[in-house]
Amino acid sequence: MPKAVAIYGKSTCPYTTAARKEFAERGYEVRYLDVKADPAAMGRFLELSGGDRRVPLIDEGGKVTVGFGGT
């Protein structure tokens, strides 16, 4: 079974793009949720982040991290 990750971010964020690319290259099934384009994704993003609006937010099977590559 492939590993899966959900990445909440914005299309204009280079860290979101880098996270998506790296997880895909590592063999993860990547589910990308654009928090600017999808109100439901924004709601879930804010729940997971505790109100922190920094992207990307990475949900790896319940392990949530904010930021990628030095952010």
Protein backbone atom coordinates (compact mmCIF):
# COMPACT_ATOMS: atom_id res chain seq x y z
CA MET A 1 0.00 0.00 0.00
CA PRO A 2 1.53 3.35 -0.99
CA LYS A 3 2.17 5.98 1.62
CA ALA A 4 -0.17 8.95 1.42
CA VAL A 5 0.15 12.59 2.41
CA ALA A 6 -2.20 15.56 2.27
CA ILE A 7 -0.56 18.90 1.54
CA TYR A 8 -2.52 22.08 2.20
CA GLY A 9 -1.06 25.12 0.47
CA LYS A 10 -1.30 27.83 -2.14
CA SER A 11 -0.44 27.53 -5.82
CA THR A 12 1.86 30.56 -5.57
CA CYS A 13 3.91 29.20 -2.64
CA PRO A 14 7.31 27.79 -3.67
CA TYR A 15 7.50 25.72 -0.46
CA THR A 16 4.17 24.09 -1.23
CA THR A 17 5.41 23.24 -4.73
CA ALA A 18 8.68 21.85 -3.35
CA ALA A 19 6.85 19.71 -0.78
CA ARG A 20 4.51 18.27 -3.40
CA LYS A 21 7.42 17.43 -5.67
CA GLU A 22 9.58 15.85 -2.97
CA PHE A 23 6.84 13.69 -1.50
CA ALA A 24 5.84 12.49 -4.98
CA GLU A 25 9.47 11.65 -5.77
CA ARG A 26 9.67 9.66 -2.52
CA GLY A 27 6.75 7.51 -3.67
CA TYR A 28 3.94 9.09 -1.68
CA GLU A 29 0.42 9.45 -2.99
CA VAL A 30 0.05 13.24 -2.73
CA ARG A 31 -3.33 14.87 -2.19
CA TYR A 32 -2.99 18.61 -2.75
CA LEU A 33 -5.56 20.98 -1.27
CA ASP A 34 -5.44 24.62 -2.38
CA VAL A 35 -6.59 26.66 0.62
CA LYS A 36 -7.17 29.76 -1.51
CA ALA A 37 -9.41 28.01 -4.04
CA ASP A 38 -11.29 25.60 -1.74
CA PRO A 39 -13.19 26.98 1.30
CA ALA A 40 -13.63 23.50 2.78
CA ALA A 41 -9.87 22.87 2.53
CA MET A 42 -9.25 26.24 4.23
CA GLY A 43 -11.54 25.24 7.09
CA ARG A 44 -9.81 21.91 7.61
CA PHE A 45 -6.40 23.57 7.26
CA LEU A 46 -7.23 26.06 10.03
CA GLU A 47 -8.47 23.21 12.26
CA LEU A 48 -5.29 21.22 11.77
CA SER A 49 -3.02 24.25 12.20
CA GLY A 50 -4.80 25.69 15.22
CA GLY A 51 -5.36 28.93 13.30
CA ASP A 52 -1.80 29.27 12.00
CA ARG A 53 -1.99 30.40 8.36
CA ARG A 54 1.52 29.39 7.26
CA VAL A 55 1.69 26.99 4.35
CA PRO A 56 2.36 24.30 3.49
CA LEU A 57 0.71 22.20 6.12
CA ILE A 58 1.54 18.53 5.67
CA ASP A 59 -0.70 15.82 7.11
CA GLU A 60 1.11 12.51 6.93
CA GLY A 61 -1.29 9.98 8.38
CA GLY A 62 -2.22 12.20 11.32
CA LYS A 63 1.30 13.58 11.85
CA VAL A 64 0.89 17.29 11.07
CA THR A 65 3.78 19.61 10.28
CA VAL A 66 3.75 23.23 9.18
CA GLY A 67 6.36 24.47 6.73
CA PHE A 68 8.78 22.74 4.42
CA GLY A 69 12.40 23.25 3.47
CA GLY A 70 13.31 25.77 6.11
CA THR A 71 10.02 27.63 6.50
